[in-house]
């Protein structure tokens, strides 16, 4: 008798398929927002509609400049997967929802473990009213992060200058 896949891994599998649409040369992210067992929206990282994607240009500016992960996102052509999913969803359907995220290395096709949302995406997730973030680390393992933790640990979102 075969074992049924967990609900979390079911949704993470879908997010991983969404990541295949990513146009980023550095990392392929996929995100889906789920509420009451219904998929509300999906998103992957890529250039804004109508603009050239990195895969079309054949280059990534951040990679050319050796910019580490988490820095200088203003130089990136892409809108992040979480942001694209949030943009596509009505806020009333995101209240109390879960966002499932997967990151894949476009060169190897391997999963990126221990990935997380950037500070801007964390802020958007909070404002969208999403309750939980589930991130895939391996084919079977994932982390479930209560968004309330980001709210309670206010220093985790940056803002050292008081903005």
C-alpha atoms as a PDB file:
ATOM      1  CA  UNK A   1       0.000   0.000   0.000  1.00  0.00           C
ATOM      2  CA  UNK A   2       1.434   3.389  -0.952  1.00  0.00           C
ATOM      3  CA  UNK A   3       1.664   6.217   1.541  1.00  0.00           C
ATOM      4  CA  UNK A   4      -0.336   9.347   0.795  1.00  0.00           C
ATOM      5  CA  UNK A   5       1.694  12.564   0.476  1.00  0.00           C
ATOM      6  CA  UNK A   6       1.161  15.064   3.297  1.00  0.00           C
ATOM      7  CA  UNK A   7      -0.945  18.150   2.612  1.00  0.00           C
ATOM      8  CA  UNK A   8       2.126  20.361   3.123  1.00  0.00           C
ATOM      9  CA  UNK A   9       4.212  18.425   0.613  1.00  0.00           C
ATOM     10  CA  UNK A  10       1.293  18.363  -1.820  1.00  0.00           C
ATOM     11  CA  UNK A  11       1.185  22.170  -1.834  1.00  0.00           C
ATOM     12  CA  UNK A  12       4.984  22.403  -1.852  1.00  0.00           C
ATOM     13  CA  UNK A  13       5.045  20.131  -4.923  1.00  0.00           C
ATOM     14  CA  UNK A  14       2.704  22.578  -6.647  1.00  0.00           C
ATOM     15  CA  UNK A  15       4.901  25.538  -5.590  1.00  0.00           C
ATOM     16  CA  UNK A  16       7.914  23.688  -6.974  1.00  0.00           C
ATOM     17  CA  UNK A  17       6.129  23.279 -10.310  1.00  0.00           C
ATOM     18  CA  UNK A  18       5.304  27.013 -10.270  1.00  0.00           C
ATOM     19  CA  UNK A  19       9.042  27.697  -9.759  1.00  0.00           C
ATOM     20  CA  UNK A  20       9.684  26.112 -13.163  1.00  0.00           C
ATOM     21  CA  UNK A  21       8.137  29.271 -14.703  1.00  0.00           C
ATOM     22  CA  UNK A  22      10.790  31.446 -13.039  1.00  0.00           C
ATOM     23  CA  UNK A  23      12.957  33.498 -15.394  1.00  0.00           C
ATOM     24  CA  UNK A  24      15.778  34.112 -12.912  1.00  0.00           C
ATOM     25  CA  UNK A  25      19.258  32.782 -13.625  1.00  0.00           C
ATOM     26  CA  UNK A  26      20.285  32.682  -9.934  1.00  0.00           C
ATOM     27  CA  UNK A  27      17.338  31.087  -8.142  1.00  0.00           C
ATOM     28  CA  UNK A  28      13.947  29.783  -9.188  1.00  0.00           C
ATOM     29  CA  UNK A  29      11.298  30.534  -6.584  1.00  0.00           C
ATOM     30  CA  UNK A  30       7.704  29.388  -6.640  1.00  0.00           C
ATOM     31  CA  UNK A  31       5.007  30.435  -4.186  1.00  0.00           C
ATOM     32  CA  UNK A  32       1.352  29.582  -3.742  1.00  0.00           C
ATOM     33  CA  UNK A  33      -1.153  31.074  -1.338  1.00  0.00           C
ATOM     34  CA  UNK A  34      -3.662  28.602   0.098  1.00  0.00           C
ATOM     35  CA  UNK A  35      -6.706  29.191   2.266  1.00  0.00           C
ATOM     36  CA  UNK A  36      -9.301  26.635   3.331  1.00  0.00           C
ATOM     37  CA  UNK A  37      -7.684  24.045   1.034  1.00  0.00           C
ATOM     38  CA  UNK A  38      -8.092  26.270  -2.033  1.00  0.00           C
ATOM     39  CA  UNK A  39      -5.231  27.785  -4.002  1.00  0.00           C
ATOM     40  CA  UNK A  40      -5.824  31.544  -4.012  1.00  0.00           C
ATOM     41  CA  UNK A  41      -2.848  32.625  -6.144  1.00  0.00           C
ATOM     42  CA  UNK A  42       0.533  31.546  -7.470  1.00  0.00           C
ATOM     43  CA  UNK A  43       3.709  33.472  -8.164  1.00  0.00           C
ATOM     44  CA  UNK A  44       7.242  32.952  -9.419  1.00  0.00           C
ATOM     45  CA  UNK A  45      10.181  35.317  -9.667  1.00  0.00           C
ATOM     46  CA  UNK A  46      10.624  37.150 -12.951  1.00  0.00           C
ATOM     47  CA  UNK A  47      10.794  40.572 -14.540  1.00  0.00           C
ATOM     48  CA  UNK A  48       7.681  42.767 -14.482  1.00  0.00           C
ATOM     49  CA  UNK A  49       5.235  42.152 -17.330  1.00  0.00           C
ATOM     50  CA  UNK A  50       6.521  43.452 -20.642  1.00  0.00           C
ATOM     51  CA  UNK A  51      10.145  43.809 -19.520  1.00  0.00           C
ATOM     52  CA  UNK A  52      12.983  41.559 -20.653  1.00  0.00           C
ATOM     53  CA  UNK A  53      13.742  38.635 -18.345  1.00  0.00           C
ATOM     54  CA  UNK A  54      17.246  37.628 -17.300  1.00  0.00           C
ATOM     55  CA  UNK A  55      16.895  34.337 -19.189  1.00  0.00           C
ATOM     56  CA  UNK A  56      16.103  36.366 -22.334  1.00  0.00           C
ATOM     57  CA  UNK A  57      19.068  38.685 -21.758  1.00  0.00           C
ATOM     58  CA  UNK A  58      21.335  35.760 -20.874  1.00  0.00           C
ATOM     59  CA  UNK A  59      22.726  37.565 -17.861  1.00  0.00           C
ATOM     60  CA  UNK A  60      22.030  38.482 -14.252  1.00  0.00           C
ATOM     61  CA  UNK A  61      23.338  41.891 -13.178  1.00  0.00           C
ATOM     62  CA  UNK A  62      23.586  40.892  -9.520  1.00  0.00           C
ATOM     63  CA  UNK A  63      25.560  37.771 -10.421  1.00  0.00           C
ATOM     64  CA  UNK A  64      27.883  39.782 -12.710  1.00  0.00           C
ATOM     65  CA  UNK A  65      28.641  42.090  -9.777  1.00  0.00           C
ATOM     66  CA  UNK A  66      29.028  39.205  -7.266  1.00  0.00           C
ATOM     67  CA  UNK A  67      26.315  40.657  -5.032  1.00  0.00           C
ATOM     68  CA  UNK A  68      25.522  38.225  -2.197  1.00  0.00           C
ATOM     69  CA  UNK A  69      22.029  36.969  -1.433  1.00  0.00           C
ATOM     70  CA  UNK A  70      20.022  39.436   0.608  1.00  0.00           C
ATOM     71  CA  UNK A  71      21.774  42.548  -0.658  1.00  0.00           C
ATOM     72  CA  UNK A  72      21.055  45.201  -3.283  1.00  0.00           C
ATOM     73  CA  UNK A  73      17.691  43.876  -4.494  1.00  0.00           C
ATOM     74  CA  UNK A  74      17.084  47.175  -6.248  1.00  0.00           C
ATOM     75  CA  UNK A  75      19.560  45.971  -8.899  1.00  0.00           C
ATOM     76  CA  UNK A  76      17.515  42.828  -9.589  1.00  0.00           C
ATOM     77  CA  UNK A  77      15.163  42.751 -12.589  1.00  0.00           C
ATOM     78  CA  UNK A  78      12.767  40.322 -10.902  1.00  0.00           C
ATOM     79  CA  UNK A  79       9.644  40.689  -8.826  1.00  0.00           C
ATOM     80  CA  UNK A  80       9.854  38.046  -6.098  1.00  0.00           C
ATOM     81  CA  UNK A  81       7.580  34.992  -6.110  1.00  0.00           C
ATOM     82  CA  UNK A  82       5.878  35.952  -2.838  1.00  0.00           C
ATOM     83  CA  UNK A  83       5.193  39.463  -4.130  1.00  0.00           C
ATOM     84  CA  UNK A  84       3.775  38.151  -7.412  1.00  0.00           C
ATOM     85  CA  UNK A  85       1.463  35.762  -5.545  1.00  0.00           C
ATOM     86  CA  UNK A  86       0.299  38.553  -3.210  1.00  0.00           C
ATOM     87  CA  UNK A  87      -0.303  40.911  -6.158  1.00  0.00           C
ATOM     88  CA  UNK A  88      -2.502  38.254  -7.788  1.00  0.00           C
ATOM     89  CA  UNK A  89      -4.666  37.571  -4.717  1.00  0.00           C
ATOM     90  CA  UNK A  90      -7.532  39.526  -3.143  1.00  0.00           C
ATOM     91  CA  UNK A  91      -6.621  40.575   0.403  1.00  0.00           C
ATOM     92  CA  UNK A  92      -9.787  39.200   1.972  1.00  0.00           C
ATOM     93  CA  UNK A  93      -8.806  35.734   0.738  1.00  0.00           C
ATOM     94  CA  UNK A  94      -5.249  36.062   2.099  1.00  0.00           C
ATOM     95  CA  UNK A  95      -6.330  36.819   5.674  1.00  0.00           C
ATOM     96  CA  UNK A  96      -5.330  33.760   7.699  1.00  0.00           C
ATOM     97  CA  UNK A  97      -3.911  31.976   4.631  1.00  0.00           C
ATOM     98  CA  UNK A  98      -0.676  30.007   4.228  1.00  0.00           C
ATOM     99  CA  UNK A  99       1.995  30.734   1.629  1.00  0.00           C
ATOM    100  CA  UNK A 100       4.054  27.752   0.440  1.00  0.00           C
ATOM    101  CA  UNK A 101       7.501  28.453  -1.028  1.00  0.00           C
ATOM    102  CA  UNK A 102      10.160  26.476  -2.853  1.00  0.00           C
ATOM    103  CA  UNK A 103      13.557  27.554  -4.184  1.00  0.00           C
ATOM    104  CA  UNK A 104      15.443  25.607  -6.842  1.00  0.00           C
ATOM    105  CA  UNK A 105      18.944  26.101  -8.255  1.00  0.00           C
ATOM    106  CA  UNK A 106      18.406  26.738 -11.990  1.00  0.00           C
ATOM    107  CA  UNK A 107      21.825  25.297 -12.870  1.00  0.00           C
ATOM    108  CA  UNK A 108      21.469  21.969 -11.038  1.00  0.00           C
ATOM    109  CA  UNK A 109      17.733  21.614 -10.488  1.00  0.00           C
ATOM    110  CA  UNK A 110      18.457  20.875  -6.811  1.00  0.00           C
ATOM    111  CA  UNK A 111      16.416  22.358  -3.980  1.00  0.00           C
ATOM    112  CA  UNK A 112      17.937  25.244  -2.024  1.00  0.00           C
ATOM    113  CA  UNK A 113      17.577  24.354   1.681  1.00  0.00           C
ATOM    114  CA  UNK A 114      17.201  26.957   4.446  1.00  0.00           C
ATOM    115  CA  UNK A 115      15.902  29.675   2.146  1.00  0.00           C
ATOM    116  CA  UNK A 116      13.692  32.462   3.424  1.00  0.00           C
ATOM    117  CA  UNK A 117      11.814  35.530   2.292  1.00  0.00           C
ATOM    118  CA  UNK A 118      13.715  38.790   1.985  1.00  0.00           C
ATOM    119  CA  UNK A 119      12.849  41.658   4.350  1.00  0.00           C
ATOM    120  CA  UNK A 120      10.569  43.358   1.815  1.00  0.00           C
ATOM    121  CA  UNK A 121       8.642  40.151   1.118  1.00  0.00           C
ATOM    122  CA  UNK A 122       8.292  39.512   4.859  1.00  0.00           C
ATOM    123  CA  UNK A 123       6.707  42.943   5.192  1.00  0.00           C
ATOM    124  CA  UNK A 124       4.326  42.243   2.299  1.00  0.00           C
ATOM    125  CA  UNK A 125       3.364  38.858   3.780  1.00  0.00           C
ATOM    126  CA  UNK A 126       2.578  40.540   7.103  1.00  0.00           C
ATOM    127  CA  UNK A 127       0.484  43.269   5.465  1.00  0.00           C
ATOM    128  CA  UNK A 128      -1.364  40.743   3.306  1.00  0.00           C
ATOM    129  CA  UNK A 129      -2.633  39.061   6.469  1.00  0.00           C
ATOM    130  CA  UNK A 130      -1.002  35.721   5.683  1.00  0.00           C
ATOM    131  CA  UNK A 131      -0.729  33.633   8.845  1.00  0.00           C
ATOM    132  CA  UNK A 132       1.871  30.947   8.042  1.00  0.00           C
ATOM    133  CA  UNK A 133       4.844  30.511   5.700  1.00  0.00           C
ATOM    134  CA  UNK A 134       5.858  26.960   4.759  1.00  0.00           C
ATOM    135  CA  UNK A 135       9.276  26.586   3.107  1.00  0.00           C
ATOM    136  CA  UNK A 136      10.603  23.395   1.517  1.00  0.00           C
ATOM    137  CA  UNK A 137      14.142  22.359   2.535  1.00  0.00           C
ATOM    138  CA  UNK A 138      14.280  18.877   0.977  1.00  0.00           C
ATOM    139  CA  UNK A 139      11.874  16.763  -1.045  1.00  0.00           C
ATOM    140  CA  UNK A 140      10.175  15.676   2.202  1.00  0.00           C
ATOM    141  CA  UNK A 141      11.238  18.234   4.816  1.00  0.00           C
ATOM    142  CA  UNK A 142       9.906  21.741   5.318  1.00  0.00           C
ATOM    143  CA  UNK A 143       9.696  24.513   7.892  1.00  0.00           C
ATOM    144  CA  UNK A 144       6.473  26.110   9.043  1.00  0.00           C
ATOM    145  CA  UNK A 145       6.945  29.699  10.205  1.00  0.00           C
ATOM    146  CA  UNK A 146       4.183  31.587  12.040  1.00  0.00           C
ATOM    147  CA  UNK A 147       4.101  35.112  10.584  1.00  0.00           C
ATOM    148  CA  UNK A 148       3.342  36.336  14.110  1.00  0.00           C
ATOM    149  CA  UNK A 149       7.018  35.521  14.904  1.00  0.00           C
ATOM    150  CA  UNK A 150       8.099  38.178  12.388  1.00  0.00           C
ATOM    151  CA  UNK A 151       5.686  40.658  13.950  1.00  0.00           C
ATOM    152  CA  UNK A 152       6.775  39.891  17.521  1.00  0.00           C
ATOM    153  CA  UNK A 153      10.483  40.012  16.625  1.00  0.00           C
ATOM    154  CA  UNK A 154      10.270  43.502  15.144  1.00  0.00           C
ATOM    155  CA  UNK A 155      14.059  43.801  14.712  1.00  0.00           C
ATOM    156  CA  UNK A 156      14.012  40.876  12.258  1.00  0.00           C
ATOM    157  CA  UNK A 157      12.620  43.153   9.528  1.00  0.00           C
ATOM    158  CA  UNK A 158      15.399  45.715   9.510  1.00  0.00           C
ATOM    159  CA  UNK A 159      14.478  49.369   9.616  1.00  0.00           C
ATOM    160  CA  UNK A 160      17.517  50.441  11.635  1.00  0.00           C
ATOM    161  CA  UNK A 161      16.927  54.028  10.572  1.00  0.00           C
ATOM    162  CA  UNK A 162      13.421  54.119  12.016  1.00  0.00           C
ATOM    163  CA  UNK A 163      11.565  54.322   8.696  1.00  0.00           C
END
